């Protein structure tokens, strides 16, 4: 997907994917993959999510990468923090206490620049990408983070209702992309209902823990 698509969405304020509150699935299930005080957690395609402020308040260090400079400006403004800014190769590094946000293409970020992380919180990254980019993204994310365990949030809505993004990523695809490296477990749906362009939708949580694939729990 062309980066200009996302730059234009942010420029126009077309950010329906940005939630007004901390995600209930993060609060409910973060600890299941090691998102707990003292950990360092990576958020791919993080936007200006309010989840970051919540994580910091729990004593969790945060690293993220985001394409849009507008999103990063709004993120730090919302936190009431002025970051130190430096050039990091093809990325721009925004640094504050317990927080490292890289502005630019996630594929330009490498493990040395990111540094070690204990867990990944993928709230809307995988489902934002079309299949060809998901083919690149999943192995890159694992290499980038040393196969750190993940809390992965996907979305469910009537099949064929929209073309995406967000895209439907089902259990079979999650297992195909991650099952060789992780034990994949379905954790459950969000308690908060939602919609995508007028169609009913709900977020779903998955735990990706180190180890092989497991039978998991069917969606039902």
Protein backbone atom coordinates (compact mmCIF):
# COMPACT_ATOMS: atom_id res chain seq x y z
CA UNK A 1 0.00 0.00 0.00
CA UNK A 2 1.41 3.36 -1.02
CA UNK A 3 2.66 5.42 1.94
CA UNK A 4 0.89 8.42 0.42
CA UNK A 5 -2.42 6.71 1.24
CA UNK A 6 -1.66 6.90 4.97
CA UNK A 7 -0.08 10.36 4.81
CA UNK A 8 -3.26 11.62 3.17
CA UNK A 9 -5.47 9.94 5.76
CA UNK A 10 -3.59 11.69 8.56
CA UNK A 11 -3.52 15.00 6.71
CA UNK A 12 -7.30 14.90 6.27
CA UNK A 13 -7.93 13.62 9.78
CA UNK A 14 -9.48 10.41 8.45
CA UNK A 15 -8.36 8.36 11.44
CA UNK A 16 -11.36 6.30 12.47
CA UNK A 17 -8.93 3.60 13.54
CA UNK A 18 -7.73 5.87 16.38
CA UNK A 19 -9.63 4.88 19.51
CA UNK A 20 -10.67 7.50 22.10
CA UNK A 21 -9.77 5.21 25.00
CA UNK A 22 -7.24 2.57 25.97
CA UNK A 23 -8.04 -0.74 24.28
CA UNK A 24 -9.83 -3.10 26.63
CA UNK A 25 -8.04 -6.10 25.11
CA UNK A 26 -4.66 -4.63 26.06
CA UNK A 27 -5.80 -4.15 29.65
CA UNK A 28 -7.33 -7.63 29.80
CA UNK A 29 -4.63 -9.65 28.04
CA UNK A 30 -1.36 -7.73 27.91
CA UNK A 31 0.14 -9.61 30.83
CA UNK A 32 -0.43 -12.91 29.00
CA UNK A 33 2.46 -12.07 26.65
CA UNK A 34 4.69 -10.24 29.12
CA UNK A 35 3.33 -6.71 28.81
CA UNK A 36 3.86 -5.85 32.45
CA UNK A 37 5.77 -3.29 34.56
CA UNK A 38 9.47 -3.22 33.78
CA UNK A 39 9.08 -4.63 30.27
CA UNK A 40 9.93 -2.85 27.02
CA UNK A 41 7.13 -3.23 24.47
CA UNK A 42 7.20 -2.52 20.73
CA UNK A 43 4.16 -1.05 18.95
CA UNK A 44 4.38 -1.30 15.14
CA UNK A 45 2.50 1.37 13.17
CA UNK A 46 1.57 2.93 16.49
CA UNK A 47 -0.16 6.13 15.36
CA UNK A 48 -1.03 8.35 18.31
CA UNK A 49 -2.71 5.60 20.30
CA UNK A 50 -3.75 6.36 23.87
CA UNK A 51 -2.47 2.90 24.73
CA UNK A 52 1.04 4.36 24.89
CA UNK A 53 0.19 6.72 27.75
CA UNK A 54 -1.46 3.86 29.62
CA UNK A 55 1.57 1.61 29.14
CA UNK A 56 3.93 4.30 30.39
CA UNK A 57 1.73 4.86 33.44
CA UNK A 58 2.08 1.14 34.28
CA UNK A 59 5.85 1.44 34.35
CA UNK A 60 6.26 -0.16 30.93
CA UNK A 61 8.82 1.22 28.51
CA UNK A 62 7.55 1.73 24.97
CA UNK A 63 9.11 1.73 21.51
CA UNK A 64 7.11 2.34 18.37
CA UNK A 65 7.36 3.11 14.69
CA UNK A 66 4.93 5.26 12.75
CA UNK A 67 4.93 6.55 9.17
CA UNK A 68 3.11 9.82 9.85
CA UNK A 69 4.89 12.79 11.40
CA UNK A 70 1.44 14.26 12.15
CA UNK A 71 0.55 11.23 14.27
CA UNK A 72 3.81 11.48 16.20
CA UNK A 73 3.36 15.21 16.79
CA UNK A 74 -0.13 14.56 18.15
CA UNK A 75 1.08 11.64 20.26
CA UNK A 76 3.66 13.69 22.14
CA UNK A 77 1.30 16.65 22.44
CA UNK A 78 -1.27 14.35 24.02
CA UNK A 79 1.33 13.06 26.45
CA UNK A 80 2.39 16.63 27.28
CA UNK A 81 6.01 15.74 26.49
CA UNK A 82 8.58 17.41 24.25
CA UNK A 83 10.83 14.72 22.77
CA UNK A 84 14.48 14.90 21.84
CA UNK A 85 14.66 14.44 18.07
CA UNK A 86 17.52 13.00 16.04
CA UNK A 87 18.07 11.48 12.61
CA UNK A 88 18.51 7.70 12.65
CA UNK A 89 19.34 6.60 9.12
CA UNK A 90 16.16 6.85 7.07
CA UNK A 91 14.12 7.37 10.24
CA UNK A 92 13.65 10.19 12.72
CA UNK A 93 13.99 9.15 16.36
CA UNK A 94 11.79 10.88 18.94
CA UNK A 95 12.99 10.11 22.46
CA UNK A 96 11.54 10.84 25.91
CA UNK A 97 11.66 9.11 29.29
CA UNK A 98 10.78 5.46 28.71
CA UNK A 99 9.68 6.17 25.15
CA UNK A 100 11.30 5.77 21.72
CA UNK A 101 9.23 6.52 18.62
CA UNK A 102 10.70 6.20 15.13
CA UNK A 103 9.10 8.15 12.30
CA UNK A 104 9.30 6.45 8.91
CA UNK A 105 8.89 3.13 7.15
CA UNK A 106 8.90 0.12 9.48
CA UNK A 107 10.98 -1.76 6.91
CA UNK A 108 13.75 0.80 7.41
CA UNK A 109 13.94 -0.05 11.11
CA UNK A 110 16.42 -2.75 12.16
CA UNK A 111 16.95 -4.67 15.38
CA UNK A 112 20.13 -2.79 16.35
CA UNK A 113 18.41 0.58 16.13
CA UNK A 114 15.26 -0.62 17.88
CA UNK A 115 17.09 -2.34 20.70
CA UNK A 116 15.82 -5.31 22.72
CA UNK A 117 12.11 -5.64 23.45
CA UNK A 118 10.24 -8.05 25.69
CA UNK A 119 6.91 -8.10 23.87
CA UNK A 120 5.05 -6.77 20.85
CA UNK A 121 1.61 -5.15 20.88
CA UNK A 122 0.20 -5.24 17.34
CA UNK A 123 -3.10 -3.41 17.69
CA UNK A 124 -3.76 -2.41 14.08
CA UNK A 125 -0.60 -3.06 12.08
CA UNK A 126 -1.05 -6.49 10.50
CA UNK A 127 -4.66 -5.76 9.59
CA UNK A 128 -3.71 -2.41 8.03
CA UNK A 129 -1.60 -4.11 5.36
CA UNK A 130 -2.71 -5.86 2.15
CA UNK A 131 -1.53 -9.46 1.63
CA UNK A 132 1.67 -8.65 -0.27
CA UNK A 133 2.86 -6.35 2.50
CA UNK A 134 1.79 -8.84 5.18
CA UNK A 135 4.15 -11.28 3.45
CA UNK A 136 7.01 -8.87 4.21
CA UNK A 137 5.76 -7.57 7.51
CA UNK A 138 5.39 -10.76 9.55
CA UNK A 139 8.96 -12.07 9.05
CA UNK A 140 10.38 -8.56 9.40
CA UNK A 141 8.58 -8.04 12.70
CA UNK A 142 9.88 -11.33 14.07
CA UNK A 143 13.45 -10.55 13.00
CA UNK A 144 13.18 -7.00 14.32
CA UNK A 145 12.06 -8.08 17.78
CA UNK A 146 13.94 -11.37 18.21
CA UNK A 147 10.63 -13.24 18.00
CA UNK A 148 9.33 -11.54 21.12
CA UNK A 149 5.84 -12.72 22.15
CA UNK A 150 2.95 -10.73 20.76
CA UNK A 151 -0.49 -9.54 21.71
CA UNK A 152 -2.10 -9.39 18.26
CA UNK A 153 -5.42 -7.64 17.72
CA UNK A 154 -7.38 -8.47 14.58
CA UNK A 155 -10.85 -7.43 13.46
CA UNK A 156 -13.96 -9.34 12.49
CA UNK A 157 -16.72 -7.90 10.27
CA UNK A 158 -19.02 -9.37 7.61
CA UNK A 159 -16.86 -10.89 4.89
CA UNK A 160 -17.03 -8.89 1.69
CA UNK A 161 -18.48 -5.83 3.43
CA UNK A 162 -15.44 -3.65 2.66
CA UNK A 163 -12.26 -4.01 0.66
CA UNK A 164 -10.02 -2.91 3.54
CA UNK A 165 -8.09 -1.57 5.27
CA UNK A 166 -8.68 -2.83 7.89
CA UNK A 167 -8.34 -6.27 6.32
CA UNK A 168 -9.80 -9.51 7.59
CA UNK A 169 -7.00 -11.75 8.87
CA UNK A 170 -8.42 -15.07 10.03
CA UNK A 171 -7.06 -17.78 12.30
CA UNK A 172 -5.71 -19.85 9.40
CA UNK A 173 -3.64 -16.92 8.17
CA UNK A 174 -2.33 -16.09 11.64
CA UNK A 175 -1.19 -19.69 12.07
CA UNK A 176 0.34 -19.76 8.59
CA UNK A 177 2.33 -16.61 9.23
CA UNK A 178 3.29 -17.15 12.87
CA UNK A 179 2.59 -20.76 13.84
CA UNK A 180 6.11 -21.97 13.05
CA UNK A 181 7.60 -19.60 15.62
CA UNK A 182 4.81 -19.17 18.16
CA UNK A 183 2.16 -21.06 20.05
CA UNK A 184 -0.96 -19.23 18.87
CA UNK A 185 -3.91 -18.87 21.25
CA UNK A 186 -7.21 -17.11 20.72
CA UNK A 187 -8.01 -14.99 23.79
CA UNK A 188 -11.44 -13.61 22.95
CA UNK A 189 -13.29 -10.60 21.56
CA UNK A 190 -13.41 -7.03 22.75
CA UNK A 191 -16.18 -6.21 25.18
CA UNK A 192 -16.68 -2.98 23.25
CA UNK A 193 -18.75 -3.16 20.08
CA UNK A 194 -17.75 -1.22 17.03
CA UNK A 195 -18.31 -0.68 13.34
CA UNK A 196 -16.33 -0.26 10.14
CA UNK A 197 -17.91 2.04 7.56
CA UNK A 198 -21.37 1.27 8.85
CA UNK A 199 -20.86 -2.48 9.26
CA UNK A 200 -20.79 -4.16 12.69
CA UNK A 201 -17.29 -5.14 13.77
CA UNK A 202 -15.43 -6.45 16.79
CA UNK A 203 -11.79 -6.70 17.70
CA UNK A 204 -10.28 -10.09 18.55
CA UNK A 205 -7.21 -10.81 20.70
CA UNK A 206 -4.55 -13.44 20.06
CA UNK A 207 -1.53 -14.42 22.12
CA UNK A 208 1.60 -15.42 20.23
CA UNK A 209 3.97 -17.04 22.68
CA UNK A 210 7.36 -18.58 21.96
CA UNK A 211 7.12 -22.21 20.89
CA UNK A 212 5.40 -24.24 18.20
CA UNK A 213 1.83 -24.06 16.96
CA UNK A 214 -0.97 -25.25 19.23
CA UNK A 215 -4.50 -26.36 18.51
CA UNK A 216 -5.79 -23.15 20.04
CA UNK A 217 -9.44 -22.26 20.58
CA UNK A 218 -11.74 -22.00 17.58
CA UNK A 219 -13.70 -18.82 17.11
CA UNK A 220 -17.03 -20.60 17.12
